[in-house]
């Protein structure tokens, strides 16, 4: 039986190195897989950060454009109000509008006609 245990020891020692090599190979694969995963995760985080930065910059740019458009709308509404007031003032003072041609719907005003009583807006 001592011989059996010797032979079993020798067979064990025979498979031990290959088993050790297999474990070493598996461990190497595991380490490589972890490293590859770590790099992929790092790259993913970098892409995510870049995307967030890009969206933030785009958001800031859109906010600036929005503010500029709101300012333009405010100015246009002020201009509209001003020109509405000018038109009402002009209609009440204009003698051409009460002429017989105006009643028939014919345009009696020419664009070259000037009125001294109406202030001019210089844009």
PDB file of N, CA and C in Angstrom:
ATOM      1  N   UNK A   1       0.803  -1.175   0.000  1.00  0.00           N
ATOM      2  CA  UNK A   1       0.000   0.000   0.000  1.00  0.00           C
ATOM      3  C   UNK A   1       0.851   1.244   0.000  1.00  0.00           C
ATOM      4  N   UNK A   2       2.002   1.075   0.596  1.00  0.00           N
ATOM      5  CA  UNK A   2       2.929   2.188   0.568  1.00  0.00           C
ATOM      6  C   UNK A   2       3.249   2.539  -0.860  1.00  0.00           C
ATOM      7  N   UNK A   3       3.297   1.509  -1.675  1.00  0.00           N
ATOM      8  CA  UNK A   3       3.558   1.754  -3.077  1.00  0.00           C
ATOM      9  C   UNK A   3       2.405   2.509  -3.724  1.00  0.00           C
ATOM     10  N   UNK A   4       1.199   2.140  -3.341  1.00  0.00           N
ATOM     11  CA  UNK A   4       0.039   2.833  -3.893  1.00  0.00           C
ATOM     12  C   UNK A   4       0.059   4.311  -3.523  1.00  0.00           C
ATOM     13  N   UNK A   5       0.408   4.574  -2.266  1.00  0.00           N
ATOM     14  CA  UNK A   5       0.442   5.971  -1.853  1.00  0.00           C
ATOM     15  C   UNK A   5       1.559   6.712  -2.572  1.00  0.00           C
ATOM     16  N   UNK A   6       2.702   5.973  -2.827  1.00  0.00           N
ATOM     17  CA  UNK A   6       3.787   6.593  -3.588  1.00  0.00           C
ATOM     18  C   UNK A   6       3.322   6.903  -4.999  1.00  0.00           C
ATOM     19  N   UNK A   7       2.658   5.929  -5.582  1.00  0.00           N
ATOM     20  CA  UNK A   7       2.201   6.148  -6.947  1.00  0.00           C
ATOM     21  C   UNK A   7       1.131   7.229  -6.975  1.00  0.00           C
ATOM     22  N   UNK A   8       0.343   7.253  -5.936  1.00  0.00           N
ATOM     23  CA  UNK A   8      -0.678   8.292  -5.870  1.00  0.00           C
ATOM     24  C   UNK A   8      -0.011   9.640  -5.669  1.00  0.00           C
ATOM     25  N   UNK A   9       1.068   9.661  -4.867  1.00  0.00           N
ATOM     26  CA  UNK A   9       1.818  10.902  -4.679  1.00  0.00           C
ATOM     27  C   UNK A   9       2.449  11.346  -5.985  1.00  0.00           C
ATOM     28  N   UNK A  10       3.004  10.382  -6.714  1.00  0.00           N
ATOM     29  CA  UNK A  10       3.641  10.741  -7.979  1.00  0.00           C
ATOM     30  C   UNK A  10       2.599  11.198  -8.991  1.00  0.00           C
ATOM     31  N   UNK A  11       1.437  10.569  -8.986  1.00  0.00           N
ATOM     32  CA  UNK A  11       0.401  11.011  -9.920  1.00  0.00           C
ATOM     33  C   UNK A  11      -0.119  12.392  -9.508  1.00  0.00           C
ATOM     34  N   UNK A  12      -0.186  12.613  -8.214  1.00  0.00           N
ATOM     35  CA  UNK A  12      -0.624  13.917  -7.714  1.00  0.00           C
ATOM     36  C   UNK A  12       0.384  14.982  -8.118  1.00  0.00           C
ATOM     37  N   UNK A  13       1.676  14.635  -7.939  1.00  0.00           N
ATOM     38  CA  UNK A  13       2.713  15.596  -8.295  1.00  0.00           C
ATOM     39  C   UNK A  13       2.772  15.789  -9.801  1.00  0.00           C
ATOM     40  N   UNK A  14       2.384  14.764 -10.542  1.00  0.00           N
ATOM     41  CA  UNK A  14       2.366  14.894 -11.982  1.00  0.00           C
ATOM     42  C   UNK A  14       1.281  15.890 -12.425  1.00  0.00           C
ATOM     43  N   UNK A  15       0.128  15.855 -11.779  1.00  0.00           N
ATOM     44  CA  UNK A  15      -0.973  16.737 -12.170  1.00  0.00           C
ATOM     45  C   UNK A  15      -0.910  18.092 -11.481  1.00  0.00           C
ATOM     46  N   UNK A  16      -0.188  18.156 -10.429  1.00  0.00           N
ATOM     47  CA  UNK A  16      -0.071  19.395  -9.666  1.00  0.00           C
ATOM     48  C   UNK A  16       0.450  20.551 -10.526  1.00  0.00           C
ATOM     49  N   UNK A  17       1.564  20.372 -11.240  1.00  0.00           N
ATOM     50  CA  UNK A  17       2.069  21.485 -12.029  1.00  0.00           C
ATOM     51  C   UNK A  17       1.075  21.955 -13.090  1.00  0.00           C
ATOM     52  N   UNK A  18       0.433  21.008 -13.780  1.00  0.00           N
ATOM     53  CA  UNK A  18      -0.512  21.437 -14.807  1.00  0.00           C
ATOM     54  C   UNK A  18      -1.718  22.106 -14.161  1.00  0.00           C
ATOM     55  N   UNK A  19      -2.110  21.609 -13.002  1.00  0.00           N
ATOM     56  CA  UNK A  19      -3.209  22.231 -12.274  1.00  0.00           C
ATOM     57  C   UNK A  19      -2.785  23.628 -11.836  1.00  0.00           C
ATOM     58  N   UNK A  20      -1.573  23.767 -11.389  1.00  0.00           N
ATOM     59  CA  UNK A  20      -1.030  25.070 -11.002  1.00  0.00           C
ATOM     60  C   UNK A  20      -0.952  25.995 -12.198  1.00  0.00           C
ATOM     61  N   UNK A  21      -0.536  25.442 -13.330  1.00  0.00           N
ATOM     62  CA  UNK A  21      -0.477  26.253 -14.549  1.00  0.00           C
ATOM     63  C   UNK A  21      -1.879  26.690 -14.970  1.00  0.00           C
ATOM     64  N   UNK A  22      -2.820  25.776 -14.826  1.00  0.00           N
ATOM     65  CA  UNK A  22      -4.208  26.093 -15.181  1.00  0.00           C
ATOM     66  C   UNK A  22      -4.743  27.211 -14.280  1.00  0.00           C
ATOM     67  N   UNK A  23      -4.457  27.082 -12.981  1.00  0.00           N
ATOM     68  CA  UNK A  23      -4.900  28.111 -12.041  1.00  0.00           C
ATOM     69  C   UNK A  23      -4.221  29.447 -12.356  1.00  0.00           C
ATOM     70  N   UNK A  24      -2.940  29.384 -12.668  1.00  0.00           N
ATOM     71  CA  UNK A  24      -2.196  30.586 -13.017  1.00  0.00           C
ATOM     72  C   UNK A  24      -2.771  31.216 -14.292  1.00  0.00           C
ATOM     73  N   UNK A  25      -3.087  30.371 -15.274  1.00  0.00           N
ATOM     74  CA  UNK A  25      -3.671  30.835 -16.527  1.00  0.00           C
ATOM     75  C   UNK A  25      -5.034  31.486 -16.266  1.00  0.00           C
ATOM     76  N   UNK A  26      -5.846  30.838 -15.444  1.00  0.00           N
ATOM     77  CA  UNK A  26      -7.168  31.377 -15.100  1.00  0.00           C
ATOM     78  C   UNK A  26      -7.029  32.704 -14.355  1.00  0.00           C
ATOM     79  N   UNK A  27      -6.067  32.750 -13.442  1.00  0.00           N
ATOM     80  CA  UNK A  27      -5.833  33.982 -12.681  1.00  0.00           C
ATOM     81  C   UNK A  27      -5.381  35.105 -13.618  1.00  0.00           C
ATOM     82  N   UNK A  28      -4.514  34.782 -14.568  1.00  0.00           N
ATOM     83  CA  UNK A  28      -4.048  35.768 -15.544  1.00  0.00           C
ATOM     84  C   UNK A  28      -5.219  36.272 -16.383  1.00  0.00           C
ATOM     85  N   UNK A  29      -6.072  35.342 -16.831  1.00  0.00           N
ATOM     86  CA  UNK A  29      -7.259  35.728 -17.605  1.00  0.00           C
ATOM     87  C   UNK A  29      -8.166  36.642 -16.777  1.00  0.00           C
ATOM     88  N   UNK A  30      -8.320  36.294 -15.511  1.00  0.00           N
ATOM     89  CA  UNK A  30      -9.174  37.063 -14.610  1.00  0.00           C
ATOM     90  C   UNK A  30      -8.623  38.483 -14.439  1.00  0.00           C
ATOM     91  N   UNK A  31      -7.300  38.580 -14.237  1.00  0.00           N
ATOM     92  CA  UNK A  31      -6.654  39.884 -14.078  1.00  0.00           C
ATOM     93  C   UNK A  31      -6.801  40.703 -15.360  1.00  0.00           C
ATOM     94  N   UNK A  32      -6.592  40.063 -16.502  1.00  0.00           N
ATOM     95  CA  UNK A  32      -6.712  40.764 -17.787  1.00  0.00           C
ATOM     96  C   UNK A  32      -8.153  41.229 -18.013  1.00  0.00           C
ATOM     97  N   UNK A  33      -9.108  40.370 -17.670  1.00  0.00           N
ATOM     98  CA  UNK A  33     -10.517  40.718 -17.823  1.00  0.00           C
ATOM     99  C   UNK A  33     -10.876  41.917 -16.929  1.00  0.00           C
ATOM    100  N   UNK A  34     -10.368  41.902 -15.702  1.00  0.00           N
ATOM    101  CA  UNK A  34     -10.625  43.016 -14.781  1.00  0.00           C
ATOM    102  C   UNK A  34     -10.007  44.318 -15.301  1.00  0.00           C
ATOM    103  N   UNK A  35      -8.784  44.217 -15.816  1.00  0.00           N
ATOM    104  CA  UNK A  35      -8.102  45.394 -16.354  1.00  0.00           C
ATOM    105  C   UNK A  35      -8.868  45.950 -17.555  1.00  0.00           C
ATOM    106  N   UNK A  36      -9.304  45.043 -18.429  1.00  0.00           N
ATOM    107  CA  UNK A  36     -10.068  45.456 -19.608  1.00  0.00           C
ATOM    108  C   UNK A  36     -11.379  46.124 -19.174  1.00  0.00           C
ATOM    109  N   UNK A  37     -12.034  45.545 -18.184  1.00  0.00           N
ATOM    110  CA  UNK A  37     -13.284  46.105 -17.669  1.00  0.00           C
ATOM    111  C   UNK A  37     -13.039  47.469 -17.016  1.00  0.00           C
ATOM    112  N   UNK A  38     -11.941  47.579 -16.270  1.00  0.00           N
ATOM    113  CA  UNK A  38     -11.597  48.841 -15.623  1.00  0.00           C
ATOM    114  C   UNK A  38     -11.387  49.940 -16.665  1.00  0.00           C
ATOM    115  N   UNK A  39     -10.665  49.600 -17.738  1.00  0.00           N
ATOM    116  CA  UNK A  39     -10.421  50.576 -18.801  1.00  0.00           C
ATOM    117  C   UNK A  39     -11.718  50.954 -19.516  1.00  0.00           C
ATOM    118  N   UNK A  40     -12.573  49.973 -19.754  1.00  0.00           N
ATOM    119  CA  UNK A  40     -13.861  50.245 -20.406  1.00  0.00           C
ATOM    120  C   UNK A  40     -14.725  51.144 -19.527  1.00  0.00           C
ATOM    121  N   UNK A  41     -14.733  50.887 -18.228  1.00  0.00           N
ATOM    122  CA  UNK A  41     -15.512  51.711 -17.300  1.00  0.00           C
ATOM    123  C   UNK A  41     -14.961  53.136 -17.261  1.00  0.00           C
ATOM    124  N   UNK A  42     -13.640  53.258 -17.260  1.00  0.00           N
ATOM    125  CA  UNK A  42     -13.002  54.576 -17.253  1.00  0.00           C
ATOM    126  C   UNK A  42     -13.365  55.345 -18.527  1.00  0.00           C
ATOM    127  N   UNK A  43     -13.308  54.661 -19.665  1.00  0.00           N
ATOM    128  CA  UNK A  43     -13.646  55.282 -20.940  1.00  0.00           C
ATOM    129  C   UNK A  43     -15.122  55.701 -20.954  1.00  0.00           C
ATOM    130  N   UNK A  44     -15.971  54.859 -20.410  1.00  0.00           N
ATOM    131  CA  UNK A  44     -17.398  55.168 -20.337  1.00  0.00           C
ATOM    132  C   UNK A  44     -17.644  56.400 -19.467  1.00  0.00           C
ATOM    133  N   UNK A  45     -16.957  56.477 -18.336  1.00  0.00           N
ATOM    134  CA  UNK A  45     -17.108  57.641 -17.455  1.00  0.00           C
ATOM    135  C   UNK A  45     -16.614  58.914 -18.144  1.00  0.00           C
ATOM    136  N   UNK A  46     -15.521  58.803 -18.903  1.00  0.00           N
ATOM    137  CA  UNK A  46     -15.002  59.964 -19.634  1.00  0.00           C
ATOM    138  C   UNK A  46     -16.013  60.435 -20.683  1.00  0.00           C
ATOM    139  N   UNK A  47     -16.610  59.470 -21.412  1.00  0.00           N
ATOM    140  CA  UNK A  47     -17.622  59.824 -22.410  1.00  0.00           C
ATOM    141  C   UNK A  47     -18.823  60.490 -21.741  1.00  0.00           C
ATOM    142  N   UNK A  48     -19.234  59.938 -20.620  1.00  0.00           N
ATOM    143  CA  UNK A  48     -20.374  60.483 -19.883  1.00  0.00           C
ATOM    144  C   UNK A  48     -20.080  61.909 -19.403  1.00  0.00           C
ATOM    145  N   UNK A  49     -18.881  62.136 -18.898  1.00  0.00           N
ATOM    146  CA  UNK A  49     -18.484  63.469 -18.438  1.00  0.00           C
ATOM    147  C   UNK A  49     -18.443  64.449 -19.606  1.00  0.00           C
ATOM    148  N   UNK A  50     -17.874  64.015 -20.728  1.00  0.00           N
ATOM    149  CA  UNK A  50     -17.806  64.862 -21.915  1.00  0.00           C
ATOM    150  C   UNK A  50     -19.207  65.217 -22.400  1.00  0.00           C
ATOM    151  N   UNK A  51     -20.095  64.236 -22.408  1.00  0.00           N
ATOM    152  CA  UNK A  51     -21.470  64.476 -22.840  1.00  0.00           C
ATOM    153  C   UNK A  51     -22.159  65.469 -21.903  1.00  0.00           C
ATOM    154  N   UNK A  52     -21.962  65.316 -20.604  1.00  0.00           N
ATOM    155  CA  UNK A  52     -22.556  66.231 -19.618  1.00  0.00           C
ATOM    156  C   UNK A  52     -22.007  67.644 -19.810  1.00  0.00           C
ATOM    157  N   UNK A  53     -20.702  67.765 -20.046  1.00  0.00           N
ATOM    158  CA  UNK A  53     -20.088  69.077 -20.279  1.00  0.00           C
ATOM    159  C   UNK A  53     -20.662  69.728 -21.535  1.00  0.00           C
ATOM    160  N   UNK A  54     -20.798  68.934 -22.589  1.00  0.00           N
ATOM    161  CA  UNK A  54     -21.343  69.438 -23.851  1.00  0.00           C
ATOM    162  C   UNK A  54     -22.783  69.912 -23.657  1.00  0.00           C
ATOM    163  N   UNK A  55     -23.582  69.116 -22.957  1.00  0.00           N
ATOM    164  CA  UNK A  55     -24.970  69.503 -22.700  1.00  0.00           C
ATOM    165  C   UNK A  55     -25.051  70.770 -21.853  1.00  0.00           C
ATOM    166  N   UNK A  56     -24.141  70.892 -20.894  1.00  0.00           N
ATOM    167  CA  UNK A  56     -24.117  72.085 -20.042  1.00  0.00           C
ATOM    168  C   UNK A  56     -23.796  73.331 -20.873  1.00  0.00           C
ATOM    169  N   UNK A  57     -22.800  73.225 -21.739  1.00  0.00           N
ATOM    170  CA  UNK A  57     -22.429  74.349 -22.602  1.00  0.00           C
ATOM    171  C   UNK A  57     -23.578  74.713 -23.543  1.00  0.00           C
ATOM    172  N   UNK A  58     -24.213  73.680 -24.106  1.00  0.00           N
ATOM    173  CA  UNK A  58     -25.343  73.915 -25.011  1.00  0.00           C
ATOM    174  C   UNK A  58     -26.490  74.596 -24.258  1.00  0.00           C
ATOM    175  N   UNK A  59     -26.739  74.158 -23.038  1.00  0.00           N
ATOM    176  CA  UNK A  59     -27.794  74.753 -22.209  1.00  0.00           C
ATOM    177  C   UNK A  59     -27.504  76.225 -21.940  1.00  0.00           C
ATOM    178  N   UNK A  60     -26.264  76.538 -21.593  1.00  0.00           N
ATOM    179  CA  UNK A  60     -25.889  77.933 -21.345  1.00  0.00           C
ATOM    180  C   UNK A  60     -26.061  78.784 -22.597  1.00  0.00           C
ATOM    181  N   UNK A  61     -25.665  78.232 -23.748  1.00  0.00           N
ATOM    182  CA  UNK A  61     -25.799  78.961 -25.010  1.00  0.00           C
ATOM    183  C   UNK A  61     -27.274  79.215 -25.325  1.00  0.00           C
ATOM    184  N   UNK A  62     -28.118  78.206 -25.120  1.00  0.00           N
ATOM    185  CA  UNK A  62     -29.550  78.369 -25.382  1.00  0.00           C
ATOM    186  C   UNK A  62     -30.179  79.388 -24.428  1.00  0.00           C
ATOM    187  N   UNK A  63     -29.722  79.412 -23.188  1.00  0.00           N
ATOM    188  CA  UNK A  63     -30.227  80.405 -22.232  1.00  0.00           C
ATOM    189  C   UNK A  63     -29.852  81.819 -22.671  1.00  0.00           C
ATOM    190  N   UNK A  64     -28.632  81.987 -23.187  1.00  0.00           N
ATOM    191  CA  UNK A  64     -28.207  83.304 -23.688  1.00  0.00           C
ATOM    192  C   UNK A  64     -29.061  83.722 -24.887  1.00  0.00           C
ATOM    193  N   UNK A  65     -29.284  82.783 -25.817  1.00  0.00           N
ATOM    194  CA  UNK A  65     -30.111  83.078 -26.989  1.00  0.00           C
ATOM    195  C   UNK A  65     -31.534  83.420 -26.564  1.00  0.00           C
ATOM    196  N   UNK A  66     -32.057  82.675 -25.602  1.00  0.00           N
ATOM    197  CA  UNK A  66     -33.407  82.915 -25.100  1.00  0.00           C
ATOM    198  C   UNK A  66     -33.514  84.315 -24.500  1.00  0.00           C
ATOM    199  N   UNK A  67     -32.527  84.701 -23.700  1.00  0.00           N
ATOM    200  CA  UNK A  67     -32.528  86.038 -23.091  1.00  0.00           C
ATOM    201  C   UNK A  67     -32.479  87.120 -24.174  1.00  0.00           C
ATOM    202  N   UNK A  68     -31.652  86.909 -25.195  1.00  0.00           N
ATOM    203  CA  UNK A  68     -31.549  87.887 -26.283  1.00  0.00           C
ATOM    204  C   UNK A  68     -32.875  87.994 -27.041  1.00  0.00           C
ATOM    205  N   UNK A  69     -33.518  86.852 -27.281  1.00  0.00           N
ATOM    206  CA  UNK A  69     -34.805  86.871 -27.983  1.00  0.00           C
ATOM    207  C   UNK A  69     -35.888  87.545 -27.141  1.00  0.00           C
ATOM    208  N   UNK A  70     -35.878  87.302 -25.840  1.00  0.00           N
ATOM    209  CA  UNK A  70     -36.855  87.962 -24.955  1.00  0.00           C
ATOM    210  C   UNK A  70     -36.643  89.480 -24.962  1.00  0.00           C
ATOM    211  N   UNK A  71     -35.382  89.884 -24.966  1.00  0.00           N
ATOM    212  CA  UNK A  71     -35.064  91.314 -25.018  1.00  0.00           C
ATOM    213  C   UNK A  71     -35.563  91.912 -26.334  1.00  0.00           C
ATOM    214  N   UNK A  72     -35.357  91.188 -27.430  1.00  0.00           N
ATOM    215  CA  UNK A  72     -35.816  91.658 -28.738  1.00  0.00           C
ATOM    216  C   UNK A  72     -37.346  91.750 -28.769  1.00  0.00           C
ATOM    217  N   UNK A  73     -38.032  90.758 -28.210  1.00  0.00           N
ATOM    218  CA  UNK A  73     -39.501  90.778 -28.151  1.00  0.00           C
ATOM    219  C   UNK A  73     -39.981  91.990 -27.365  1.00  0.00           C
ATOM    220  N   UNK A  74     -39.338  92.255 -26.237  1.00  0.00           N
ATOM    221  CA  UNK A  74     -39.705  93.414 -25.415  1.00  0.00           C
ATOM    222  C   UNK A  74     -39.546  94.702 -26.218  1.00  0.00           C
ATOM    223  N   UNK A  75     -38.424  94.829 -26.928  1.00  0.00           N
ATOM    224  CA  UNK A  75     -38.177  96.030 -27.731  1.00  0.00           C
ATOM    225  C   UNK A  75     -39.203  96.145 -28.852  1.00  0.00           C
ATOM    226  N   UNK A  76     -39.528  95.034 -29.506  1.00  0.00           N
ATOM    227  CA  UNK A  76     -40.514  95.066 -30.590  1.00  0.00           C
ATOM    228  C   UNK A  76     -41.900  95.437 -30.064  1.00  0.00           C
ATOM    229  N   UNK A  77     -42.261  94.943 -28.887  1.00  0.00           N
ATOM    230  CA  UNK A  77     -43.546  95.318 -28.283  1.00  0.00           C
ATOM    231  C   UNK A  77     -43.581  96.806 -27.937  1.00  0.00           C
ATOM    232  N   UNK A  78     -42.463  97.331 -27.453  1.00  0.00           N
ATOM    233  CA  UNK A  78     -42.379  98.773 -27.173  1.00  0.00           C
ATOM    234  C   UNK A  78     -42.521  99.575 -28.465  1.00  0.00           C
ATOM    235  N   UNK A  79     -41.856  99.110 -29.532  1.00  0.00           N
ATOM    236  CA  UNK A  79     -41.972  99.777 -30.831  1.00  0.00           C
ATOM    237  C   UNK A  79     -43.415  99.729 -31.331  1.00  0.00           C
ATOM    238  N   UNK A  80     -44.056  98.583 -31.187  1.00  0.00           N
ATOM    239  CA  UNK A  80     -45.443  98.422 -31.623  1.00  0.00           C
ATOM    240  C   UNK A  80     -46.352  99.392 -30.873  1.00  0.00           C
ATOM    241  N   UNK A  81     -46.158  99.485 -29.586  1.00  0.00           N
ATOM    242  CA  UNK A  81     -46.949 100.410 -28.770  1.00  0.00           C
ATOM    243  C   UNK A  81     -46.717 101.852 -29.220  1.00  0.00           C
ATOM    244  N   UNK A  82     -45.459 102.194 -29.429  1.00  0.00           N
ATOM    245  CA  UNK A  82     -45.117 103.549 -29.867  1.00  0.00           C
ATOM    246  C   UNK A  82     -45.771 103.865 -31.214  1.00  0.00           C
ATOM    247  N   UNK A  83     -45.626 102.968 -32.177  1.00  0.00           N
ATOM    248  CA  UNK A  83     -46.179 103.227 -33.504  1.00  0.00           C
ATOM    249  C   UNK A  83     -47.706 103.223 -33.485  1.00  0.00           C
ATOM    250  N   UNK A  84     -48.298 102.432 -32.606  1.00  0.00           N
ATOM    251  CA  UNK A  84     -49.757 102.480 -32.447  1.00  0.00           C
ATOM    252  C   UNK A  84     -50.200 103.841 -31.945  1.00  0.00           C
ATOM    253  N   UNK A  85     -49.468 104.381 -30.979  1.00  0.00           N
ATOM    254  CA  UNK A  85     -49.762 105.717 -30.446  1.00  0.00           C
ATOM    255  C   UNK A  85     -49.566 106.778 -31.525  1.00  0.00           C
ATOM    256  N   UNK A  86     -48.490 106.666 -32.280  1.00  0.00           N
ATOM    257  CA  UNK A  86     -48.216 107.613 -33.367  1.00  0.00           C
ATOM    258  C   UNK A  86     -49.337 107.556 -34.399  1.00  0.00           C
ATOM    259  N   UNK A  87     -49.785 106.365 -34.745  1.00  0.00           N
ATOM    260  CA  UNK A  87     -50.848 106.214 -35.739  1.00  0.00           C
ATOM    261  C   UNK A  87     -52.150 106.835 -35.241  1.00  0.00           C
ATOM    262  N   UNK A  88     -52.528 106.573 -33.994  1.00  0.00           N
ATOM    263  CA  UNK A  88     -53.760 107.155 -33.444  1.00  0.00           C
ATOM    264  C   UNK A  88     -53.666 108.677 -33.431  1.00  0.00           C
ATOM    265  N   UNK A  89     -52.516 109.176 -33.041  1.00  0.00           N
ATOM    266  CA  UNK A  89     -52.303 110.623 -33.027  1.00  0.00           C
ATOM    267  C   UNK A  89     -52.406 111.182 -34.440  1.00  0.00           C
ATOM    268  N   UNK A  90     -51.835 110.487 -35.375  1.00  0.00           N
ATOM    269  CA  UNK A  90     -51.851 110.917 -36.773  1.00  0.00           C
ATOM    270  C   UNK A  90     -53.276 110.896 -37.321  1.00  0.00           C
ATOM    271  N   UNK A  91     -54.016 109.838 -37.027  1.00  0.00           N
ATOM    272  CA  UNK A  91     -55.387 109.720 -37.537  1.00  0.00           C
ATOM    273  C   UNK A  91     -56.276 110.848 -37.010  1.00  0.00           C
ATOM    274  N   UNK A  92     -56.071 111.224 -35.756  1.00  0.00           N
ATOM    275  CA  UNK A  92     -56.905 112.292 -35.189  1.00  0.00           C
ATOM    276  C   UNK A  92     -56.530 113.668 -35.730  1.00  0.00           C
ATOM    277  N   UNK A  93     -55.310 113.842 -36.170  1.00  0.00           N
ATOM    278  CA  UNK A  93     -54.843 115.143 -36.659  1.00  0.00           C
ATOM    279  C   UNK A  93     -54.841 115.269 -38.178  1.00  0.00           C
ATOM    280  N   UNK A  94     -54.903 114.183 -38.882  1.00  0.00           N
ATOM    281  CA  UNK A  94     -54.708 114.195 -40.329  1.00  0.00           C
ATOM    282  C   UNK A  94     -55.984 114.636 -41.043  1.00  0.00           C
ATOM    283  N   UNK A  95     -55.866 115.679 -41.852  1.00  0.00           N
ATOM    284  CA  UNK A  95     -57.009 116.166 -42.620  1.00  0.00           C
ATOM    285  C   UNK A  95     -57.214 115.330 -43.882  1.00  0.00           C
ATOM    286  N   UNK A  96     -56.195 114.685 -44.350  1.00  0.00           N
ATOM    287  CA  UNK A  96     -56.290 113.873 -45.563  1.00  0.00           C
ATOM    288  C   UNK A  96     -57.213 112.682 -45.323  1.00  0.00           C
ATOM    289  N   UNK A  97     -57.229 112.156 -44.099  1.00  0.00           N
ATOM    290  CA  UNK A  97     -58.054 110.990 -43.790  1.00  0.00           C
ATOM    291  C   UNK A  97     -59.546 111.333 -43.835  1.00  0.00           C
ATOM    292  N   UNK A  98     -59.893 112.583 -43.656  1.00  0.00           N
ATOM    293  CA  UNK A  98     -61.304 112.973 -43.677  1.00  0.00           C
ATOM    294  C   UNK A  98     -61.744 113.471 -45.056  1.00  0.00           C
ATOM    295  N   UNK A  99     -60.883 113.369 -46.049  1.00  0.00           N
ATOM    296  CA  UNK A  99     -61.228 113.798 -47.406  1.00  0.00           C
ATOM    297  C   UNK A  99     -62.181 112.795 -48.041  1.00  0.00           C
ATOM    298  N   UNK A 100     -62.898 113.175 -49.108  1.00  0.00           N
ATOM    299  CA  UNK A 100     -63.868 112.283 -49.750  1.00  0.00           C
ATOM    300  C   UNK A 100     -63.240 110.995 -50.282  1.00  0.00           C
ATOM    301  N   UNK A 101     -62.026 111.001 -50.707  1.00  0.00           N
ATOM    302  CA  UNK A 101     -61.377 109.791 -51.224  1.00  0.00           C
ATOM    303  C   UNK A 101     -61.188 108.743 -50.150  1.00  0.00           C
ATOM    304  N   UNK A 102     -61.007 109.152 -48.911  1.00  0.00           N
ATOM    305  CA  UNK A 102     -60.790 108.230 -47.804  1.00  0.00           C
ATOM    306  C   UNK A 102     -62.047 107.434 -47.505  1.00  0.00           C
ATOM    307  N   UNK A 103     -63.219 108.064 -47.681  1.00  0.00           N
ATOM    308  CA  UNK A 103     -64.474 107.365 -47.425  1.00  0.00           C
ATOM    309  C   UNK A 103     -64.693 106.236 -48.409  1.00  0.00           C
ATOM    310  N   UNK A 104     -64.176 106.372 -49.612  1.00  0.00           N
ATOM    311  CA  UNK A 104     -64.378 105.364 -50.647  1.00  0.00           C
ATOM    312  C   UNK A 104     -63.349 104.242 -50.551  1.00  0.00           C
ATOM    313  N   UNK A 105     -62.430 104.357 -49.658  1.00  0.00           N
ATOM    314  CA  UNK A 105     -61.449 103.302 -49.487  1.00  0.00           C
ATOM    315  C   UNK A 105     -60.219 103.468 -50.343  1.00  0.00           C
ATOM    316  N   UNK A 106     -60.111 104.600 -51.031  1.00  0.00           N
ATOM    317  CA  UNK A 106     -58.935 104.841 -51.852  1.00  0.00           C
ATOM    318  C   UNK A 106     -57.809 105.366 -50.987  1.00  0.00           C
ATOM    319  N   UNK A 107     -56.605 104.929 -51.244  1.00  0.00           N
ATOM    320  CA  UNK A 107     -55.489 105.468 -50.469  1.00  0.00           C
ATOM    321  C   UNK A 107     -55.213 106.905 -50.888  1.00  0.00           C
ATOM    322  N   UNK A 108     -55.326 107.807 -49.954  1.00  0.00           N
ATOM    323  CA  UNK A 108     -55.101 109.215 -50.267  1.00  0.00           C
ATOM    324  C   UNK A 108     -53.744 109.689 -49.780  1.00  0.00           C
ATOM    325  N   UNK A 109     -53.096 108.882 -48.974  1.00  0.00           N
ATOM    326  CA  UNK A 109     -51.778 109.226 -48.460  1.00  0.00           C
ATOM    327  C   UNK A 109     -50.699 108.710 -49.397  1.00  0.00           C
ATOM    328  N   UNK A 110     -49.694 109.500 -49.587  1.00  0.00           N
ATOM    329  CA  UNK A 110     -48.529 108.980 -50.282  1.00  0.00           C
ATOM    330  C   UNK A 110     -47.430 108.804 -49.255  1.00  0.00           C
ATOM    331  N   UNK A 111     -46.518 107.949 -49.522  1.00  0.00           N
ATOM    332  CA  UNK A 111     -45.441 107.698 -48.571  1.00  0.00           C
ATOM    333  C   UNK A 111     -44.494 108.887 -48.450  1.00  0.00           C
ATOM    334  N   UNK A 112     -44.495 109.749 -49.460  1.00  0.00           N
ATOM    335  CA  UNK A 112     -43.613 110.891 -49.416  1.00  0.00           C
ATOM    336  C   UNK A 112     -44.201 112.040 -48.603  1.00  0.00           C
ATOM    337  N   UNK A 113     -45.491 111.995 -48.339  1.00  0.00           N
ATOM    338  CA  UNK A 113     -46.154 113.067 -47.606  1.00  0.00           C
ATOM    339  C   UNK A 113     -45.597 113.136 -46.190  1.00  0.00           C
ATOM    340  N   UNK A 114     -45.235 114.327 -45.748  1.00  0.00           N
ATOM    341  CA  UNK A 114     -44.697 114.482 -44.400  1.00  0.00           C
ATOM    342  C   UNK A 114     -45.623 115.343 -43.575  1.00  0.00           C
ATOM    343  N   UNK A 115     -45.594 115.133 -42.290  1.00  0.00           N
ATOM    344  CA  UNK A 115     -46.422 115.890 -41.370  1.00  0.00           C
ATOM    345  C   UNK A 115     -45.522 116.470 -40.298  1.00  0.00           C
ATOM    346  N   UNK A 116     -45.576 117.769 -40.147  1.00  0.00           N
ATOM    347  CA  UNK A 116     -44.707 118.446 -39.193  1.00  0.00           C
ATOM    348  C   UNK A 116     -45.107 118.150 -37.755  1.00  0.00           C
ATOM    349  N   UNK A 117     -46.359 117.813 -37.519  1.00  0.00           N
ATOM    350  CA  UNK A 117     -46.821 117.616 -36.143  1.00  0.00           C
ATOM    351  C   UNK A 117     -46.453 116.244 -35.577  1.00  0.00           C
ATOM    352  N   UNK A 118     -46.005 115.320 -36.406  1.00  0.00           N
ATOM    353  CA  UNK A 118     -45.684 113.961 -35.961  1.00  0.00           C
ATOM    354  C   UNK A 118     -44.179 113.837 -35.744  1.00  0.00           C
ATOM    355  N   UNK A 119     -43.761 113.464 -34.542  1.00  0.00           N
ATOM    356  CA  UNK A 119     -42.315 113.276 -34.318  1.00  0.00           C
ATOM    357  C   UNK A 119     -41.817 112.040 -35.065  1.00  0.00           C
ATOM    358  N   UNK A 120     -40.622 112.131 -35.542  1.00  0.00           N
ATOM    359  CA  UNK A 120     -40.036 110.995 -36.267  1.00  0.00           C
ATOM    360  C   UNK A 120     -39.181 110.157 -35.331  1.00  0.00           C
ATOM    361  N   UNK A 121     -39.248 108.854 -35.539  1.00  0.00           N
ATOM    362  CA  UNK A 121     -38.438 107.913 -34.758  1.00  0.00           C
ATOM    363  C   UNK A 121     -37.239 107.521 -35.603  1.00  0.00           C
ATOM    364  N   UNK A 122     -36.072 107.687 -35.078  1.00  0.00           N
ATOM    365  CA  UNK A 122     -34.854 107.306 -35.797  1.00  0.00           C
ATOM    366  C   UNK A 122     -34.320 106.027 -35.188  1.00  0.00           C
ATOM    367  N   UNK A 123     -34.325 104.958 -35.954  1.00  0.00           N
ATOM    368  CA  UNK A 123     -33.841 103.660 -35.460  1.00  0.00           C
ATOM    369  C   UNK A 123     -32.419 103.421 -35.857  1.00  0.00           C
TER     370      UNK A 123
END
